[in-house]
C-alpha atoms as a PDB file:
ATOM      1  CA  VAL A   1      39.034 -64.837 -18.656  1.00  0.00           C
ATOM      2  CA  GLY A   2      39.491 -62.033 -16.157  1.00  0.00           C
ATOM      3  CA  VAL A   3      41.298 -62.413 -12.838  1.00  0.00           C
ATOM      4  CA  VAL A   4      40.528 -59.932 -10.059  1.00  0.00           C
ATOM      5  CA  MET A   5      42.771 -60.434  -7.048  1.00  0.00           C
ATOM      6  CA  PRO A   6      44.200 -58.244  -4.243  1.00  0.00           C
ATOM      7  CA  GLU A   7      47.754 -57.930  -5.551  1.00  0.00           C
ATOM      8  CA  THR A   8      48.298 -55.036  -3.125  1.00  0.00           C
ATOM      9  CA  GLY A   9      46.668 -53.885   0.109  1.00  0.00           C
ATOM     10  CA  VAL A  10      45.875 -55.729   3.331  1.00  0.00           C
ATOM     11  CA  ASN A  11      44.823 -58.969   1.615  1.00  0.00           C
ATOM     12  CA  ARG A  12      47.736 -59.140  -0.812  1.00  0.00           C
ATOM     13  CA  GLY A  13      49.099 -62.291   0.882  1.00  0.00           C
ATOM     14  CA  TYR A  14      46.018 -64.213  -0.234  1.00  0.00           C
ATOM     15  CA  GLY A  15      45.822 -62.513  -3.619  1.00  0.00           C
ATOM     16  CA  GLN A  16      49.421 -63.185  -4.543  1.00  0.00           C
ATOM     17  CA  THR A  17      49.356 -66.893  -3.690  1.00  0.00           C
ATOM     18  CA  LEU A  18      45.927 -67.408  -5.286  1.00  0.00           C
ATOM     19  CA  GLU A  19      47.103 -65.671  -8.454  1.00  0.00           C
ATOM     20  CA  ALA A  20      50.254 -67.798  -8.495  1.00  0.00           C
ATOM     21  CA  GLY A  21      48.113 -70.942  -8.559  1.00  0.00           C
ATOM     22  CA  ILE A  22      45.849 -69.462 -11.227  1.00  0.00           C
ATOM     23  CA  LYS A  23      48.797 -68.568 -13.446  1.00  0.00           C
ATOM     24  CA  VAL A  24      50.055 -72.166 -13.506  1.00  0.00           C
ATOM     25  CA  VAL A  25      46.841 -73.135 -15.321  1.00  0.00           C
ATOM     26  CA  PHE A  26      46.359 -70.038 -17.464  1.00  0.00           C
ATOM     27  CA  ASP A  27      49.992 -69.805 -18.621  1.00  0.00           C
ATOM     28  CA  ARG A  28      49.810 -73.445 -19.687  1.00  0.00           C
ATOM     29  CA  ALA A  29      46.504 -72.866 -21.502  1.00  0.00           C
ATOM     30  CA  ALA A  30      47.884 -69.834 -23.344  1.00  0.00           C
ATOM     31  CA  ALA A  31      51.058 -71.679 -24.332  1.00  0.00           C
ATOM     32  CA  LYS A  32      49.101 -74.648 -25.687  1.00  0.00           C
ATOM     33  CA  ARG A  33      46.479 -72.370 -27.270  1.00  0.00           C
ATOM     34  CA  SER A  34      43.860 -74.514 -25.613  1.00  0.00           C
ATOM     35  CA  PRO A  35      41.122 -73.328 -25.472  1.00  0.00           C
ATOM     36  CA  ALA A  36      41.607 -71.686 -28.864  1.00  0.00           C
ATOM     37  CA  GLY A  37      42.090 -67.929 -28.547  1.00  0.00           C
ATOM     38  CA  PHE A  38      42.460 -68.104 -24.775  1.00  0.00           C
ATOM     39  CA  GLN A  39      43.576 -64.947 -22.953  1.00  0.00           C
ATOM     40  CA  ALA A  40      43.891 -64.165 -19.268  1.00  0.00           C
ATOM     41  CA  ARG A  41      43.762 -60.548 -18.077  1.00  0.00           C
ATOM     42  CA  TYR A  42      44.787 -59.700 -14.537  1.00  0.00           C
ATOM     43  CA  ARG A  43      43.514 -56.804 -12.427  1.00  0.00           C
ATOM     44  CA  ASP A  44      44.394 -55.615  -8.905  1.00  0.00           C
ATOM     45  CA  SER A  45      41.436 -55.116  -6.547  1.00  0.00           C
ATOM     46  CA  LEU A  46      43.704 -53.181  -4.134  1.00  0.00           C
ATOM     47  CA  SER A  47      42.054 -55.303  -1.380  1.00  0.00           C
ATOM     48  CA  HIS A  48      38.934 -53.148  -1.777  1.00  0.00           C
ATOM     49  CA  PRO A  49      35.456 -54.351  -2.856  1.00  0.00           C
ATOM     50  CA  GLU A  50      34.696 -51.173  -4.844  1.00  0.00           C
ATOM     51  CA  TYR A  51      37.822 -51.575  -6.950  1.00  0.00           C
ATOM     52  CA  ALA A  52      37.079 -55.279  -7.390  1.00  0.00           C
ATOM     53  CA  ALA A  53      33.653 -54.383  -8.806  1.00  0.00           C
ATOM     54  CA  LYS A  54      35.149 -51.679 -11.040  1.00  0.00           C
ATOM     55  CA  GLU A  55      37.752 -54.023 -12.506  1.00  0.00           C
ATOM     56  CA  ALA A  56      35.175 -56.768 -13.003  1.00  0.00           C
ATOM     57  CA  LYS A  57      32.866 -54.389 -14.844  1.00  0.00           C
ATOM     58  CA  GLU A  58      35.683 -53.367 -17.190  1.00  0.00           C
ATOM     59  CA  LEU A  59      36.739 -56.957 -17.825  1.00  0.00           C
ATOM     60  CA  PHE A  60      33.189 -58.009 -18.659  1.00  0.00           C
ATOM     61  CA  ALA A  61      32.941 -55.030 -21.015  1.00  0.00           C
ATOM     62  CA  GLU A  62      36.149 -56.214 -22.700  1.00  0.00           C
ATOM     63  CA  GLY A  63      34.517 -59.581 -23.360  1.00  0.00           C
ATOM     64  CA  ALA A  64      35.481 -61.772 -20.414  1.00  0.00           C
ATOM     65  CA  TRP A  65      33.235 -64.843 -20.139  1.00  0.00           C
ATOM     66  CA  ILE A  66      34.448 -65.703 -16.657  1.00  0.00           C
ATOM     67  CA  ILE A  67      36.079 -63.818 -13.805  1.00  0.00           C
ATOM     68  CA  VAL A  68      38.147 -65.710 -11.262  1.00  0.00           C
ATOM     69  CA  GLY A  69      37.730 -63.642  -8.057  1.00  0.00           C
ATOM     70  CA  GLY A  70      37.359 -62.242  -5.529  1.00  0.00           C
ATOM     71  CA  ALA A  71      39.732 -63.516  -2.939  1.00  0.00           C
ATOM     72  CA  THR A  72      37.523 -62.372  -0.041  1.00  0.00           C
ATOM     73  CA  SER A  73      33.785 -62.609   0.524  1.00  0.00           C
ATOM     74  CA  ALA A  74      33.457 -58.818   0.468  1.00  0.00           C
ATOM     75  CA  GLU A  75      35.099 -58.639  -2.961  1.00  0.00           C
ATOM     76  CA  ALA A  76      33.033 -61.540  -4.300  1.00  0.00           C
ATOM     77  CA  LYS A  77      29.818 -59.859  -3.117  1.00  0.00           C
ATOM     78  CA  ALA A  78      30.833 -56.697  -4.974  1.00  0.00           C
ATOM     79  CA  ILE A  79      31.640 -58.570  -8.201  1.00  0.00           C
ATOM     80  CA  ILE A  80      28.443 -60.656  -8.369  1.00  0.00           C
ATOM     81  CA  PRO A  81      26.102 -57.753  -9.362  1.00  0.00           C
ATOM     82  CA  GLU A  82      28.432 -56.940 -12.265  1.00  0.00           C
ATOM     83  CA  ALA A  83      28.265 -60.571 -13.366  1.00  0.00           C
ATOM     84  CA  GLU A  84      24.480 -60.462 -13.177  1.00  0.00           C
ATOM     85  CA  ARG A  85      24.356 -57.359 -15.372  1.00  0.00           C
ATOM     86  CA  ALA A  86      26.793 -58.826 -17.905  1.00  0.00           C
ATOM     87  CA  LYS A  87      25.269 -62.348 -17.797  1.00  0.00           C
ATOM     88  CA  ARG A  88      28.718 -63.801 -17.145  1.00  0.00           C
ATOM     89  CA  ILE A  89      30.287 -66.169 -14.596  1.00  0.00           C
ATOM     90  CA  VAL A  90      32.197 -65.615 -11.336  1.00  0.00           C
ATOM     91  CA  ILE A  91      34.338 -68.385  -9.854  1.00  0.00           C
ATOM     92  CA  SER A  92      35.813 -67.512  -6.465  1.00  0.00           C
ATOM     93  CA  PRO A  93      38.711 -69.610  -5.202  1.00  0.00           C
ATOM     94  CA  SER A  94      38.355 -68.515  -1.583  1.00  0.00           C
ATOM     95  CA  ALA A  95      35.237 -66.438  -0.724  1.00  0.00           C
ATOM     96  CA  SER A  96      33.601 -68.394   2.089  1.00  0.00           C
ATOM     97  CA  GLU A  97      30.772 -66.340   3.642  1.00  0.00           C
ATOM     98  CA  PRO A  98      27.628 -68.507   4.054  1.00  0.00           C
ATOM     99  CA  ALA A  99      25.370 -65.698   2.730  1.00  0.00           C
ATOM    100  CA  LEU A 100      26.930 -66.220  -0.708  1.00  0.00           C
ATOM    101  CA  ASP A 101      25.095 -69.562  -0.953  1.00  0.00           C
ATOM    102  CA  GLY A 102      22.603 -69.268  -3.770  1.00  0.00           C
ATOM    103  CA  SER A 103      23.196 -65.511  -4.063  1.00  0.00           C
ATOM    104  CA  SER A 104      23.406 -65.910  -7.845  1.00  0.00           C
ATOM    105  CA  ASN A 105      23.246 -68.863 -10.209  1.00  0.00           C
ATOM    106  CA  LEU A 106      26.287 -67.279 -11.886  1.00  0.00           C
ATOM    107  CA  PHE A 107      28.477 -67.603  -8.768  1.00  0.00           C
ATOM    108  CA  PHE A 108      30.628 -70.607  -7.854  1.00  0.00           C
ATOM    109  CA  ARG A 109      33.337 -71.227  -5.260  1.00  0.00           C
ATOM    110  CA  VAL A 110      35.929 -73.951  -4.854  1.00  0.00           C
ATOM    111  CA  CYS A 111      36.551 -73.475  -1.108  1.00  0.00           C
ATOM    112  CA  PRO A 112      34.154 -74.726   1.594  1.00  0.00           C
ATOM    113  CA  SER A 113      31.651 -72.296   3.100  1.00  0.00           C
ATOM    114  CA  ASP A 114      32.258 -70.917   6.603  1.00  0.00           C
ATOM    115  CA  ASP A 115      29.201 -72.746   7.912  1.00  0.00           C
ATOM    116  CA  VAL A 116      30.909 -76.033   7.061  1.00  0.00           C
ATOM    117  CA  GLU A 117      34.261 -75.061   8.610  1.00  0.00           C
ATOM    118  CA  ALA A 118      32.884 -73.348  11.708  1.00  0.00           C
ATOM    119  CA  GLY A 119      30.374 -76.120  12.359  1.00  0.00           C
ATOM    120  CA  GLN A 120      33.102 -78.723  12.101  1.00  0.00           C
ATOM    121  CA  ALA A 121      35.371 -76.749  14.441  1.00  0.00           C
ATOM    122  CA  ALA A 122      32.559 -76.501  17.017  1.00  0.00           C
ATOM    123  CA  GLY A 123      31.909 -80.229  16.861  1.00  0.00           C
ATOM    124  CA  PHE A 124      35.599 -80.995  17.197  1.00  0.00           C
ATOM    125  CA  LEU A 125      36.085 -78.791  20.267  1.00  0.00           C
ATOM    126  CA  VAL A 126      32.913 -79.720  22.157  1.00  0.00           C
ATOM    127  CA  THR A 127      32.531 -83.383  21.210  1.00  0.00           C
ATOM    128  CA  HIS A 128      36.081 -84.588  20.591  1.00  0.00           C
ATOM    129  CA  ARG A 129      38.140 -82.327  22.865  1.00  0.00           C
ATOM    130  CA  LYS A 130      35.392 -82.182  25.526  1.00  0.00           C
ATOM    131  CA  ALA A 131      35.618 -78.389  25.784  1.00  0.00           C
ATOM    132  CA  ARG A 132      32.695 -77.057  27.824  1.00  0.00           C
ATOM    133  CA  THR A 133      33.830 -73.419  27.863  1.00  0.00           C
ATOM    134  CA  ILE A 134      35.288 -71.607  24.844  1.00  0.00           C
ATOM    135  CA  LEU A 135      36.825 -68.163  24.408  1.00  0.00           C
ATOM    136  CA  VAL A 136      36.166 -66.756  20.931  1.00  0.00           C
ATOM    137  CA  LEU A 137      38.533 -64.251  19.289  1.00  0.00           C
ATOM    138  CA  TYR A 138      37.408 -62.586  16.083  1.00  0.00           C
ATOM    139  CA  GLN A 139      38.306 -60.019  13.463  1.00  0.00           C
ATOM    140  CA  SER A 140      35.712 -57.284  12.889  1.00  0.00           C
ATOM    141  CA  GLY A 141      34.270 -57.378   9.398  1.00  0.00           C
ATOM    142  CA  VAL A 142      32.337 -59.639   7.058  1.00  0.00           C
ATOM    143  CA  TYR A 143      34.528 -62.708   7.375  1.00  0.00           C
ATOM    144  CA  GLY A 144      35.271 -62.854  11.101  1.00  0.00           C
ATOM    145  CA  GLU A 145      31.780 -61.940  12.259  1.00  0.00           C
ATOM    146  CA  ALA A 146      30.114 -64.470   9.925  1.00  0.00           C
ATOM    147  CA  VAL A 147      32.418 -67.268  11.090  1.00  0.00           C
ATOM    148  CA  VAL A 148      31.859 -66.499  14.763  1.00  0.00           C
ATOM    149  CA  LYS A 149      28.067 -66.421  14.403  1.00  0.00           C
ATOM    150  CA  VAL A 150      27.995 -69.877  12.825  1.00  0.00           C
ATOM    151  CA  PHE A 151      30.493 -71.213  15.349  1.00  0.00           C
ATOM    152  CA  ALA A 152      28.605 -69.838  18.375  1.00  0.00           C
ATOM    153  CA  ASP A 153      25.286 -71.243  17.124  1.00  0.00           C
ATOM    154  CA  ALA A 154      26.857 -74.672  16.621  1.00  0.00           C
ATOM    155  CA  VAL A 155      28.483 -74.633  20.069  1.00  0.00           C
ATOM    156  CA  GLY A 156      25.138 -73.742  21.658  1.00  0.00           C
ATOM    157  CA  LYS A 157      23.390 -76.664  19.966  1.00  0.00           C
ATOM    158  CA  LEU A 158      26.059 -78.991  21.344  1.00  0.00           C
ATOM    159  CA  GLN A 159      25.501 -77.666  24.897  1.00  0.00           C
ATOM    160  CA  GLY A 160      28.847 -75.903  24.996  1.00  0.00           C
ATOM    161  CA  LYS A 161      29.341 -72.393  26.386  1.00  0.00           C
ATOM    162  CA  ILE A 162      30.933 -69.332  24.799  1.00  0.00           C
ATOM    163  CA  LEU A 163      32.570 -67.424  27.661  1.00  0.00           C
ATOM    164  CA  LYS A 164      33.324 -64.239  25.716  1.00  0.00           C
ATOM    165  CA  GLU A 165      33.725 -62.939  22.185  1.00  0.00           C
ATOM    166  CA  LEU A 166      36.726 -60.613  22.072  1.00  0.00           C
ATOM    167  CA  PRO A 167      37.873 -58.576  19.043  1.00  0.00           C
ATOM    168  CA  ILE A 168      41.398 -58.688  17.632  1.00  0.00           C
ATOM    169  CA  GLY A 169      42.330 -54.996  17.426  1.00  0.00           C
ATOM    170  CA  PRO A 170      42.391 -52.062  17.189  1.00  0.00           C
ATOM    171  CA  THR A 171      43.947 -50.958  20.535  1.00  0.00           C
ATOM    172  CA  ASP A 172      44.730 -52.755  23.817  1.00  0.00           C
ATOM    173  CA  TRP A 173      42.928 -55.834  22.512  1.00  0.00           C
ATOM    174  CA  ASP A 174      45.791 -58.097  23.593  1.00  0.00           C
ATOM    175  CA  LYS A 175      45.355 -57.086  27.242  1.00  0.00           C
ATOM    176  CA  ALA A 176      41.693 -58.157  27.312  1.00  0.00           C
ATOM    177  CA  ILE A 177      42.559 -61.526  25.788  1.00  0.00           C
ATOM    178  CA  GLY A 178      45.424 -62.119  28.209  1.00  0.00           C
ATOM    179  CA  GLU A 179      43.194 -61.303  31.191  1.00  0.00           C
ATOM    180  CA  SER A 180      40.426 -63.622  29.983  1.00  0.00           C
ATOM    181  CA  LEU A 181      42.844 -66.506  29.482  1.00  0.00           C
ATOM    182  CA  LYS A 182      44.173 -66.004  33.017  1.00  0.00           C
ATOM    183  CA  ASN A 183      40.912 -65.360  34.843  1.00  0.00           C
ATOM    184  CA  ASP A 184      38.253 -67.284  32.875  1.00  0.00           C
ATOM    185  CA  LYS A 185      40.442 -70.311  32.147  1.00  0.00           C
ATOM    186  CA  PRO A 186      38.566 -71.490  29.037  1.00  0.00           C
ATOM    187  CA  ASP A 187      38.877 -75.112  27.953  1.00  0.00           C
ATOM    188  CA  ALA A 188      39.505 -73.991  24.375  1.00  0.00           C
ATOM    189  CA  VAL A 189      40.047 -70.924  22.215  1.00  0.00           C
ATOM    190  CA  PHE A 190      38.565 -70.454  18.750  1.00  0.00           C
ATOM    191  CA  ILE A 191      39.907 -67.775  16.385  1.00  0.00           C
ATOM    192  CA  GLY A 192      37.797 -66.465  13.494  1.00  0.00           C
ATOM    193  CA  ALA A 193      40.053 -64.140  11.506  1.00  0.00           C
ATOM    194  CA  TYR A 194      42.279 -63.779   8.472  1.00  0.00           C
ATOM    195  CA  ALA A 195      45.850 -65.091   8.635  1.00  0.00           C
ATOM    196  CA  GLU A 196      47.687 -61.978   9.896  1.00  0.00           C
ATOM    197  CA  GLU A 197      45.146 -61.304  12.639  1.00  0.00           C
ATOM    198  CA  THR A 198      45.114 -64.975  13.606  1.00  0.00           C
ATOM    199  CA  LEU A 199      48.891 -64.939  13.970  1.00  0.00           C
ATOM    200  CA  ALA A 200      48.703 -61.815  16.135  1.00  0.00           C
ATOM    201  CA  ALA A 201      46.124 -63.453  18.406  1.00  0.00           C
ATOM    202  CA  LEU A 202      48.150 -66.666  18.546  1.00  0.00           C
ATOM    203  CA  SER A 203      51.179 -64.678  19.684  1.00  0.00           C
ATOM    204  CA  VAL A 204      49.156 -63.327  22.631  1.00  0.00           C
ATOM    205  CA  ILE A 205      47.870 -66.808  23.483  1.00  0.00           C
ATOM    206  CA  ARG A 206      51.384 -68.281  23.501  1.00  0.00           C
ATOM    207  CA  ALA A 207      52.751 -65.379  25.545  1.00  0.00           C
ATOM    208  CA  ALA A 208      50.080 -66.116  28.165  1.00  0.00           C
ATOM    209  CA  ARG A 209      51.262 -69.770  28.288  1.00  0.00           C
ATOM    210  CA  TYR A 210      47.725 -70.960  27.714  1.00  0.00           C
ATOM    211  CA  PRO A 211      47.627 -74.774  28.069  1.00  0.00           C
ATOM    212  CA  GLY A 212      44.272 -75.503  26.398  1.00  0.00           C
ATOM    213  CA  THR A 213      43.187 -76.353  22.856  1.00  0.00           C
ATOM    214  CA  VAL A 214      43.479 -73.687  20.143  1.00  0.00           C
ATOM    215  CA  CYS A 215      41.429 -74.007  16.967  1.00  0.00           C
ATOM    216  CA  MET A 216      41.138 -71.609  14.039  1.00  0.00           C
ATOM    217  CA  THR A 217      39.887 -71.485  10.454  1.00  0.00           C
ATOM    218  CA  SER A 218      41.636 -72.464   7.223  1.00  0.00           C
ATOM    219  CA  ALA A 219      42.281 -68.754   6.606  1.00  0.00           C
ATOM    220  CA  PHE A 220      45.431 -69.321   8.678  1.00  0.00           C
ATOM    221  CA  ALA A 221      46.819 -71.721   6.048  1.00  0.00           C
ATOM    222  CA  GLU A 222      48.443 -68.938   4.004  1.00  0.00           C
ATOM    223  CA  GLY A 223      51.987 -70.031   3.262  1.00  0.00           C
ATOM    224  CA  ASP A 224      53.962 -66.928   4.223  1.00  0.00           C
ATOM    225  CA  VAL A 225      52.101 -66.488   7.515  1.00  0.00           C
ATOM    226  CA  LEU A 226      52.590 -70.148   8.424  1.00  0.00           C
ATOM    227  CA  LYS A 227      56.319 -69.785   7.821  1.00  0.00           C
ATOM    228  CA  ARG A 228      56.494 -66.721  10.042  1.00  0.00           C
ATOM    229  CA  ALA A 229      54.389 -68.417  12.705  1.00  0.00           C
ATOM    230  CA  GLY A 230      57.002 -71.109  13.182  1.00  0.00           C
ATOM    231  CA  ALA A 231      56.761 -72.786  16.584  1.00  0.00           C
ATOM    232  CA  LEU A 232      53.794 -70.619  17.581  1.00  0.00           C
ATOM    233  CA  ALA A 233      51.637 -72.790  15.312  1.00  0.00           C
ATOM    234  CA  ASN A 234      52.706 -76.100  16.833  1.00  0.00           C
ATOM    235  CA  GLY A 235      49.692 -77.946  18.193  1.00  0.00           C
ATOM    236  CA  VAL A 236      46.925 -75.747  16.770  1.00  0.00           C
ATOM    237  CA  PHE A 237      43.962 -77.323  14.992  1.00  0.00           C
ATOM    238  CA  LEU A 238      42.157 -76.128  11.892  1.00  0.00           C
ATOM    239  CA  PRO A 239      39.561 -77.471   9.439  1.00  0.00           C
ATOM    240  CA  VAL A 240      41.134 -77.661   5.989  1.00  0.00           C
ATOM    241  CA  ILE A 241      40.934 -79.525   2.731  1.00  0.00           C
ATOM    242  CA  LYS A 242      44.172 -81.444   2.930  1.00  0.00           C
ATOM    243  CA  VAL A 243      46.395 -81.533  -0.157  1.00  0.00           C
ATOM    244  CA  ASP A 244      49.424 -83.825  -0.223  1.00  0.00           C
ATOM    245  CA  MET A 245      51.938 -81.676  -2.090  1.00  0.00           C
ATOM    246  CA  ASN A 246      54.277 -84.685  -2.381  1.00  0.00           C
ATOM    247  CA  SER A 247      51.697 -86.807  -4.189  1.00  0.00           C
ATOM    248  CA  GLN A 248      52.682 -88.300  -7.535  1.00  0.00           C
ATOM    249  CA  GLU A 249      49.068 -88.426  -8.654  1.00  0.00           C
ATOM    250  CA  GLU A 250      47.642 -86.021 -11.203  1.00  0.00           C
ATOM    251  CA  PRO A 251      46.750 -83.210 -11.240  1.00  0.00           C
ATOM    252  CA  ILE A 252      48.676 -82.579  -8.001  1.00  0.00           C
ATOM    253  CA  LYS A 253      52.006 -83.622  -9.517  1.00  0.00           C
ATOM    254  CA  SER A 254      51.667 -81.193 -12.454  1.00  0.00           C
ATOM    255  CA  PHE A 255      50.381 -78.419 -10.201  1.00  0.00           C
ATOM    256  CA  VAL A 256      53.314 -78.655  -7.793  1.00  0.00           C
ATOM    257  CA  ALA A 257      55.858 -78.983 -10.619  1.00  0.00           C
ATOM    258  CA  GLY A 258      54.462 -75.937 -12.435  1.00  0.00           C
ATOM    259  CA  TYR A 259      54.345 -73.867  -9.250  1.00  0.00           C
ATOM    260  CA  LYS A 260      57.884 -74.817  -8.180  1.00  0.00           C
ATOM    261  CA  ALA A 261      59.243 -74.035 -11.635  1.00  0.00           C
ATOM    262  CA  ALA A 262      57.776 -70.533 -11.466  1.00  0.00           C
ATOM    263  CA  HIS A 263      58.782 -69.839  -7.835  1.00  0.00           C
ATOM    264  CA  GLY A 264      62.328 -71.050  -7.409  1.00  0.00           C
ATOM    265  CA  GLY A 265      61.438 -74.470  -6.059  1.00  0.00           C
ATOM    266  CA  ALA A 266      59.053 -73.217  -3.352  1.00  0.00           C
ATOM    267  CA  LEU A 267      56.101 -75.438  -2.486  1.00  0.00           C
ATOM    268  CA  PRO A 268      52.566 -74.074  -3.010  1.00  0.00           C
ATOM    269  CA  ASP A 269      50.102 -73.630  -0.161  1.00  0.00           C
ATOM    270  CA  LEU A 270      46.373 -74.342   0.185  1.00  0.00           C
ATOM    271  CA  PHE A 271      45.358 -71.033  -1.389  1.00  0.00           C
ATOM    272  CA  ALA A 272      47.535 -71.621  -4.437  1.00  0.00           C
ATOM    273  CA  ALA A 273      45.710 -74.942  -4.766  1.00  0.00           C
ATOM    274  CA  TYR A 274      42.341 -73.163  -4.583  1.00  0.00           C
ATOM    275  CA  GLY A 275      43.498 -70.768  -7.293  1.00  0.00           C
ATOM    276  CA  TYR A 276      44.659 -73.646  -9.473  1.00  0.00           C
ATOM    277  CA  ASP A 277      41.313 -75.447  -9.214  1.00  0.00           C
ATOM    278  CA  ALA A 278      39.269 -72.308  -9.899  1.00  0.00           C
ATOM    279  CA  ALA A 279      41.342 -71.663 -13.010  1.00  0.00           C
ATOM    280  CA  THR A 280      41.032 -75.305 -14.079  1.00  0.00           C
ATOM    281  CA  VAL A 281      37.232 -75.118 -13.873  1.00  0.00           C
ATOM    282  CA  ALA A 282      37.291 -71.996 -16.062  1.00  0.00           C
ATOM    283  CA  VAL A 283      39.583 -73.542 -18.705  1.00  0.00           C
ATOM    284  CA  ASN A 284      37.575 -76.770 -18.806  1.00  0.00           C
ATOM    285  CA  ALA A 285      34.341 -74.834 -19.353  1.00  0.00           C
ATOM    286  CA  LEU A 286      35.808 -72.918 -22.296  1.00  0.00           C
ATOM    287  CA  GLN A 287      37.177 -75.930 -24.167  1.00  0.00           C
ATOM    288  CA  GLY A 288      35.693 -76.699 -27.579  1.00  0.00           C
ATOM    289  CA  SER A 289      33.405 -74.321 -29.419  1.00  0.00           C
ATOM    290  CA  ARG A 290      32.766 -70.796 -28.156  1.00  0.00           C
ATOM    291  CA  PRO A 291      29.803 -70.797 -25.719  1.00  0.00           C
ATOM    292  CA  ALA A 292      26.629 -69.423 -27.257  1.00  0.00           C
ATOM    293  CA  ASN A 293      25.547 -67.795 -23.998  1.00  0.00           C
ATOM    294  CA  ALA A 294      25.844 -67.947 -20.199  1.00  0.00           C
ATOM    295  CA  SER A 295      23.343 -70.818 -20.011  1.00  0.00           C
ATOM    296  CA  GLU A 296      25.568 -73.044 -22.127  1.00  0.00           C
ATOM    297  CA  LEU A 297      28.600 -72.055 -20.056  1.00  0.00           C
ATOM    298  CA  LEU A 298      26.702 -72.929 -16.870  1.00  0.00           C
ATOM    299  CA  VAL A 299      25.961 -76.403 -18.200  1.00  0.00           C
ATOM    300  CA  ARG A 300      29.661 -76.911 -18.905  1.00  0.00           C
ATOM    301  CA  LEU A 301      30.618 -75.697 -15.424  1.00  0.00           C
ATOM    302  CA  MET A 302      28.112 -77.983 -13.724  1.00  0.00           C
ATOM    303  CA  SER A 303      29.173 -81.054 -15.708  1.00  0.00           C
ATOM    304  CA  GLN A 304      32.717 -81.324 -14.291  1.00  0.00           C
ATOM    305  CA  GLY A 305      31.794 -83.277 -11.151  1.00  0.00           C
ATOM    306  CA  ASN A 306      33.700 -86.422 -12.121  1.00  0.00           C
ATOM    307  CA  LYS A 307      36.917 -84.560 -12.924  1.00  0.00           C
ATOM    308  CA  MET A 308      39.527 -84.209 -10.199  1.00  0.00           C
ATOM    309  CA  GLY A 309      41.298 -81.049  -9.153  1.00  0.00           C
ATOM    310  CA  VAL A 310      44.048 -80.549  -6.609  1.00  0.00           C
ATOM    311  CA  THR A 311      41.629 -80.045  -3.699  1.00  0.00           C
ATOM    312  CA  GLY A 312      39.175 -82.749  -4.779  1.00  0.00           C
ATOM    313  CA  LYS A 313      36.359 -83.071  -7.280  1.00  0.00           C
ATOM    314  CA  LEU A 314      35.614 -80.113  -9.562  1.00  0.00           C
ATOM    315  CA  GLY A 315      31.910 -80.381  -8.785  1.00  0.00           C
ATOM    316  CA  PHE A 316      29.406 -77.901  -7.358  1.00  0.00           C
ATOM    317  CA  ASP A 317      26.058 -78.239  -5.617  1.00  0.00           C
ATOM    318  CA  ALA A 318      22.903 -76.421  -6.691  1.00  0.00           C
ATOM    319  CA  GLU A 319      23.985 -73.263  -4.817  1.00  0.00           C
ATOM    320  CA  GLY A 320      27.429 -73.079  -6.405  1.00  0.00           C
ATOM    321  CA  ASN A 321      29.328 -74.520  -3.432  1.00  0.00           C
ATOM    322  CA  THR A 322      32.155 -77.005  -3.791  1.00  0.00           C
ATOM    323  CA  VAL A 323      31.234 -80.608  -3.087  1.00  0.00           C
ATOM    324  CA  ASN A 324      34.516 -81.054  -1.160  1.00  0.00           C
ATOM    325  CA  GLY A 325      34.612 -80.749   2.606  1.00  0.00           C
ATOM    326  CA  PRO A 326      37.392 -80.091   5.129  1.00  0.00           C
ATOM    327  CA  HIS A 327      38.754 -82.259   7.922  1.00  0.00           C
ATOM    328  CA  ILE A 328      40.334 -81.231  11.207  1.00  0.00           C
ATOM    329  CA  TYR A 329      44.139 -81.323  11.175  1.00  0.00           C
END
């Protein structure tokens, strides 16, 4: 099995915690020699889709049946064509762009799609929090722009109003946001961005003493960023698959114990849990006899729906999406 993650570069925070969750499963599988002959080979995407595709191509050429990656939608989109050429499988722990739905019958993901998260956030703000006007902050690029489009469409259908869509970066962006919060007085703010950019935007919102509701995506739930956010994060809402890291039920208990043992007692975060489940799906599919071909491997992947992972059932729908959905917390 190949693992292609951003160990360095701008997305290394996600890559490092995802890989830590993956390693709990793969190290255990290698130690137990189950599946027989199991090997995991790790590659750094450098947070760049082209390098992700290059590493995936090499891993498939070396005989990898499955690649766990990419961490972002852009990296996953770059890896999928290589999987198609090699007739092998891609399991992404965290690529969430809606356009990936049904993009290949060889692609699976264990995190919810952005259309699920963004739609739920819109319903929460307009219906539950009674927000009639919403300021949207977004990160330029595949992820942020896709999230905002789904969110804005959902808000419109619910008769809510998007006041403005303001970018996070590159220069003087904080001034525009501060002025809008002061002058437009939105009922709520929605942030569609990765964790670092979300934290930067949240800092501006708190500095402006904004009293309204702040909602963001689960991309913010990256452990190191949450720690650095501290009190800035108090009171924000986000749609996430909730994992009780103190649960004594399996497989959560074994996941947390394995992670803590490898990281000096530190608790895992949501993305480590996604990595763990993606790796678990891969190991389960490779148990028993060597797969004859990709079709047989697909059958094994699609037959795990009754097995439980850390984030919920290890099942997928016909388009390769997880069957688990988030809730607002």
